[in-house]
Amino acid sequence: MKFDLEKKPESARDKKSYIRGYFDAEGGMPKSQNHFLYLQFSQKDQDDLTEVKEMLDVLGYKCGKMHNPSRRVDKNYWRFFVSRNSHARYMEEIGSWHPRKAKQIKLRMKI
């Protein structure tokens, strides 16, 4: 999922829509509501993932540091997490259209 450098989302609404689609394709969260909640983005293209992290930063969402979880396994695999203090806002304002992720978010929002 590469950015078209001439068509980057500019408005907050467009950025949130782009982030939602990126999360649906390249993001992760627990499959069960019984597990500790995390919202992660992962990708082999560090530059592309950096663009998403920067969009979240500009929109005021707190995120952890981008890192490689295991250089031994794959030196070109990157991820970052949305910080816990931004989870509720992220789920409410951005969310997901992925069937499983959207269901989990709805369940989490009721808690």
C-alpha atoms as a PDB file:
ATOM      1  CA  MET A   1       0.000   0.000   0.000  1.00  0.00           C
ATOM      2  CA  LYS A   2       2.121   2.902  -1.280  1.00  0.00           C
ATOM      3  CA  PHE A   3       1.307   6.590  -1.020  1.00  0.00           C
ATOM      4  CA  ASP A   4       0.719   8.413  -4.266  1.00  0.00           C
ATOM      5  CA  LEU A   5       2.825  11.416  -3.327  1.00  0.00           C
ATOM      6  CA  GLU A   6       0.574  13.700  -5.360  1.00  0.00           C
ATOM      7  CA  LYS A   7      -2.625  12.479  -3.675  1.00  0.00           C
ATOM      8  CA  LYS A   8      -1.850  12.452   0.039  1.00  0.00           C
ATOM      9  CA  PRO A   9      -4.921  12.960   2.219  1.00  0.00           C
ATOM     10  CA  GLU A  10      -5.005  16.538   3.450  1.00  0.00           C
ATOM     11  CA  SER A  11      -8.168  17.093   5.481  1.00  0.00           C
ATOM     12  CA  ALA A  12      -8.643  15.476   8.888  1.00  0.00           C
ATOM     13  CA  ARG A  13     -11.598  13.526   7.481  1.00  0.00           C
ATOM     14  CA  ASP A  14      -9.551  12.179   4.568  1.00  0.00           C
ATOM     15  CA  LYS A  15      -6.653  11.289   6.857  1.00  0.00           C
ATOM     16  CA  LYS A  16      -8.963   9.366   9.192  1.00  0.00           C
ATOM     17  CA  SER A  17     -10.479   7.518   6.238  1.00  0.00           C
ATOM     18  CA  TYR A  18      -7.040   6.627   4.928  1.00  0.00           C
ATOM     19  CA  ILE A  19      -5.892   5.481   8.378  1.00  0.00           C
ATOM     20  CA  ARG A  20      -9.034   3.334   8.736  1.00  0.00           C
ATOM     21  CA  GLY A  21      -8.321   1.600   5.434  1.00  0.00           C
ATOM     22  CA  TYR A  22      -4.671   1.153   6.340  1.00  0.00           C
ATOM     23  CA  PHE A  23      -5.639  -0.360   9.702  1.00  0.00           C
ATOM     24  CA  ASP A  24      -8.091  -2.700   8.005  1.00  0.00           C
ATOM     25  CA  ALA A  25      -5.320  -3.945   5.706  1.00  0.00           C
ATOM     26  CA  GLU A  26      -2.156  -3.632   7.813  1.00  0.00           C
ATOM     27  CA  GLY A  27      -3.356  -3.229  11.389  1.00  0.00           C
ATOM     28  CA  GLY A  28      -3.960  -5.598  14.211  1.00  0.00           C
ATOM     29  CA  MET A  29      -5.876  -5.969  17.429  1.00  0.00           C
ATOM     30  CA  PRO A  30      -6.814  -8.940  19.637  1.00  0.00           C
ATOM     31  CA  LYS A  31      -9.388 -11.337  18.258  1.00  0.00           C
ATOM     32  CA  SER A  32     -11.003 -11.724  21.661  1.00  0.00           C
ATOM     33  CA  GLN A  33     -12.282  -9.014  23.962  1.00  0.00           C
ATOM     34  CA  ASN A  34     -10.828 -11.038  26.827  1.00  0.00           C
ATOM     35  CA  HIS A  35      -7.291 -10.162  25.738  1.00  0.00           C
ATOM     36  CA  PHE A  36      -5.436  -6.967  26.594  1.00  0.00           C
ATOM     37  CA  LEU A  37      -6.357  -4.334  23.998  1.00  0.00           C
ATOM     38  CA  TYR A  38      -3.709  -3.164  21.575  1.00  0.00           C
ATOM     39  CA  LEU A  39      -4.029  -1.369  18.264  1.00  0.00           C
ATOM     40  CA  GLN A  40      -1.014  -1.874  16.040  1.00  0.00           C
ATOM     41  CA  PHE A  41       0.057  -0.984  12.541  1.00  0.00           C
ATOM     42  CA  SER A  42       2.687  -3.130  10.851  1.00  0.00           C
ATOM     43  CA  GLN A  43       4.297  -3.058   7.442  1.00  0.00           C
ATOM     44  CA  LYS A  44       7.551  -3.869   5.646  1.00  0.00           C
ATOM     45  CA  ASP A  45       7.680  -0.437   4.033  1.00  0.00           C
ATOM     46  CA  GLN A  46       9.009   1.745   6.846  1.00  0.00           C
ATOM     47  CA  ASP A  47       8.549   5.001   4.915  1.00  0.00           C
ATOM     48  CA  ASP A  48       4.913   4.232   4.162  1.00  0.00           C
ATOM     49  CA  LEU A  49       4.227   3.269   7.767  1.00  0.00           C
ATOM     50  CA  THR A  50       5.959   6.449   8.943  1.00  0.00           C
ATOM     51  CA  GLU A  51       3.479   8.498   6.871  1.00  0.00           C
ATOM     52  CA  VAL A  52       0.562   6.841   8.686  1.00  0.00           C
ATOM     53  CA  LYS A  53       2.162   7.403  12.092  1.00  0.00           C
ATOM     54  CA  GLU A  54       2.750  11.062  11.234  1.00  0.00           C
ATOM     55  CA  MET A  55      -0.907  11.467  10.207  1.00  0.00           C
ATOM     56  CA  LEU A  56      -1.985  10.047  13.565  1.00  0.00           C
ATOM     57  CA  ASP A  57       0.439  12.386  15.337  1.00  0.00           C
ATOM     58  CA  VAL A  58      -0.898  15.437  13.450  1.00  0.00           C
ATOM     59  CA  LEU A  59      -4.459  14.423  14.350  1.00  0.00           C
ATOM     60  CA  GLY A  60      -3.480  14.279  18.026  1.00  0.00           C
ATOM     61  CA  TYR A  61      -3.385  10.523  18.579  1.00  0.00           C
ATOM     62  CA  LYS A  62      -0.541   9.328  20.776  1.00  0.00           C
ATOM     63  CA  CYS A  63       1.530   6.505  19.358  1.00  0.00           C
ATOM     64  CA  GLY A  64       4.507   4.509  20.499  1.00  0.00           C
ATOM     65  CA  LYS A  65       7.861   4.405  18.788  1.00  0.00           C
ATOM     66  CA  MET A  66       8.173   2.673  15.447  1.00  0.00           C
ATOM     67  CA  HIS A  67      10.341  -0.386  15.891  1.00  0.00           C
ATOM     68  CA  ASN A  68      11.407  -3.686  14.412  1.00  0.00           C
ATOM     69  CA  PRO A  69      10.104  -6.445  16.707  1.00  0.00           C
ATOM     70  CA  SER A  70      12.724  -9.004  15.633  1.00  0.00           C
ATOM     71  CA  ARG A  71      15.627  -8.310  13.309  1.00  0.00           C
ATOM     72  CA  ARG A  72      16.471 -12.023  13.378  1.00  0.00           C
ATOM     73  CA  VAL A  73      13.060 -12.898  11.944  1.00  0.00           C
ATOM     74  CA  ASP A  74      12.787 -10.013   9.466  1.00  0.00           C
ATOM     75  CA  LYS A  75      15.024  -6.949   9.456  1.00  0.00           C
ATOM     76  CA  ASN A  76      12.557  -5.096   7.195  1.00  0.00           C
ATOM     77  CA  TYR A  77       9.393  -5.482   9.282  1.00  0.00           C
ATOM     78  CA  TRP A  78       8.176  -2.434  11.225  1.00  0.00           C
ATOM     79  CA  ARG A  79       5.360  -1.701  13.630  1.00  0.00           C
ATOM     80  CA  PHE A  80       4.026   0.847  16.078  1.00  0.00           C
ATOM     81  CA  PHE A  81       1.143   0.856  18.523  1.00  0.00           C
ATOM     82  CA  VAL A  82      -1.516   3.441  19.211  1.00  0.00           C
ATOM     83  CA  SER A  83      -0.964   4.406  22.854  1.00  0.00           C
ATOM     84  CA  ARG A  84      -3.489   3.220  25.378  1.00  0.00           C
ATOM     85  CA  ASN A  85      -4.601   6.763  26.214  1.00  0.00           C
ATOM     86  CA  SER A  86      -5.694   7.206  22.569  1.00  0.00           C
ATOM     87  CA  HIS A  87      -7.547   3.871  22.194  1.00  0.00           C
ATOM     88  CA  ALA A  88     -11.050   5.113  22.991  1.00  0.00           C
ATOM     89  CA  ARG A  89     -10.748   8.138  20.736  1.00  0.00           C
ATOM     90  CA  TYR A  90      -9.265   6.046  17.927  1.00  0.00           C
ATOM     91  CA  MET A  91     -12.046   3.451  18.144  1.00  0.00           C
ATOM     92  CA  GLU A  92     -14.725   6.153  18.257  1.00  0.00           C
ATOM     93  CA  GLU A  93     -13.394   8.477  15.538  1.00  0.00           C
ATOM     94  CA  ILE A  94     -11.515   6.174  13.137  1.00  0.00           C
ATOM     95  CA  GLY A  95     -12.603   2.628  13.872  1.00  0.00           C
ATOM     96  CA  SER A  96     -12.603  -0.096  11.247  1.00  0.00           C
ATOM     97  CA  TRP A  97     -14.718  -1.471   8.424  1.00  0.00           C
ATOM     98  CA  HIS A  98     -13.023  -4.872   8.588  1.00  0.00           C
ATOM     99  CA  PRO A  99     -15.778  -7.262   9.746  1.00  0.00           C
ATOM    100  CA  ARG A 100     -13.859  -8.839  12.641  1.00  0.00           C
ATOM    101  CA  LYS A 101     -12.134  -5.647  13.754  1.00  0.00           C
ATOM    102  CA  ALA A 102     -15.326  -3.576  13.565  1.00  0.00           C
ATOM    103  CA  LYS A 103     -17.139  -6.159  15.700  1.00  0.00           C
ATOM    104  CA  GLN A 104     -14.349  -6.155  18.285  1.00  0.00           C
ATOM    105  CA  ILE A 105     -14.341  -2.370  18.397  1.00  0.00           C
ATOM    106  CA  LYS A 106     -18.109  -2.281  18.980  1.00  0.00           C
ATOM    107  CA  LEU A 107     -17.722  -4.807  21.800  1.00  0.00           C
ATOM    108  CA  ARG A 108     -14.871  -2.819  23.337  1.00  0.00           C
ATOM    109  CA  MET A 109     -16.801   0.463  23.153  1.00  0.00           C
ATOM    110  CA  LYS A 110     -19.606  -1.074  25.277  1.00  0.00           C
ATOM    111  CA  ILE A 111     -17.181  -1.882  28.085  1.00  0.00           C
END
